[in-house]
Amino acid sequence: MPILHAHILAGRTQEQQQAFARAVTDAATTHLGVPATAVRVLIHEIPPAQWYTAGEPKAPPADMG
């Protein structure tokens, strides 16, 4: 049973995430030869303040004020 993890930047809609999960499931069934019912897709949303590129966050951390 394939378990596929996707780490994405937070902010996508439920519809976008579902469409992505369906597309990944379709790819797994096509290329791995498994039934769709055997595919698990886990989406991990990362807040922009915890998403770093070249050492810099996508967004500044929220003020803990």
Protein backbone atom coordinates (compact mmCIF):
# COMPACT_ATOMS: atom_id res chain seq x y z
CA MET A 1 0.00 0.00 0.00
CA PRO A 2 1.66 3.27 -1.08
CA ILE A 3 1.60 6.02 1.54
CA LEU A 4 2.44 9.31 -0.13
CA HIS A 5 3.35 12.41 1.89
CA ALA A 6 3.10 15.93 0.47
CA HIS A 7 4.40 18.94 2.39
CA ILE A 8 2.69 22.06 1.08
CA LEU A 9 2.54 25.70 2.07
CA ALA A 10 -0.60 26.37 4.10
CA GLY A 11 -3.39 28.28 2.40
CA ARG A 12 -4.69 25.91 -0.28
CA THR A 13 -8.42 25.27 -0.29
CA GLN A 14 -9.95 21.92 0.58
CA GLU A 15 -10.95 21.59 -3.08
CA GLN A 16 -7.36 22.15 -4.23
CA GLN A 17 -6.05 19.60 -1.76
CA GLN A 18 -8.66 17.05 -2.81
CA ALA A 19 -7.87 17.57 -6.50
CA PHE A 20 -4.17 17.09 -5.72
CA ALA A 21 -4.86 13.91 -3.74
CA ARG A 22 -6.92 12.53 -6.63
CA ALA A 23 -4.17 13.34 -9.14
CA VAL A 24 -1.51 11.69 -6.97
CA THR A 25 -3.75 8.66 -6.49
CA ASP A 26 -4.26 8.42 -10.26
CA ALA A 27 -0.50 8.60 -10.80
CA ALA A 28 0.11 5.85 -8.25
CA THR A 29 -2.48 3.55 -9.82
CA THR A 30 -1.04 4.15 -13.30
CA HIS A 31 2.65 3.90 -12.49
CA LEU A 32 2.71 1.53 -9.51
CA GLY A 33 -0.10 -0.76 -10.63
CA VAL A 34 -2.02 -0.58 -7.37
CA PRO A 35 -5.76 -0.08 -6.90
CA ALA A 36 -6.91 3.38 -5.81
CA THR A 37 -8.28 1.90 -2.59
CA ALA A 38 -4.71 0.96 -1.60
CA VAL A 39 -3.29 4.49 -1.98
CA ARG A 40 -2.97 6.81 1.01
CA VAL A 41 -2.18 10.51 0.50
CA LEU A 42 -1.16 12.53 3.55
CA ILE A 43 -1.00 16.30 3.20
CA HIS A 44 1.09 18.23 5.70
CA GLU A 45 0.40 21.98 5.69
CA ILE A 46 3.36 24.12 6.72
CA PRO A 47 2.70 27.67 7.98
CA PRO A 48 4.53 30.35 5.95
CA ALA A 49 6.58 31.40 9.02
CA GLN A 50 7.98 27.84 9.20
CA TRP A 51 8.72 27.49 5.45
CA TYR A 52 12.31 28.55 4.75
CA THR A 53 14.10 29.12 1.46
CA ALA A 54 17.78 30.08 1.53
CA GLY A 55 17.47 30.54 5.30
CA GLU A 56 14.63 33.04 5.07
CA PRO A 57 11.01 32.38 6.09
CA LYS A 58 8.26 32.69 3.50
CA ALA A 59 6.52 35.04 5.95
CA PRO A 60 7.69 36.60 9.21
CA PRO A 61 6.53 34.86 12.40
CA ALA A 62 3.39 36.26 13.99
CA ASP A 63 4.02 38.77 16.78
CA MET A 64 3.88 36.88 20.06
CA GLY A 65 3.10 40.26 21.68
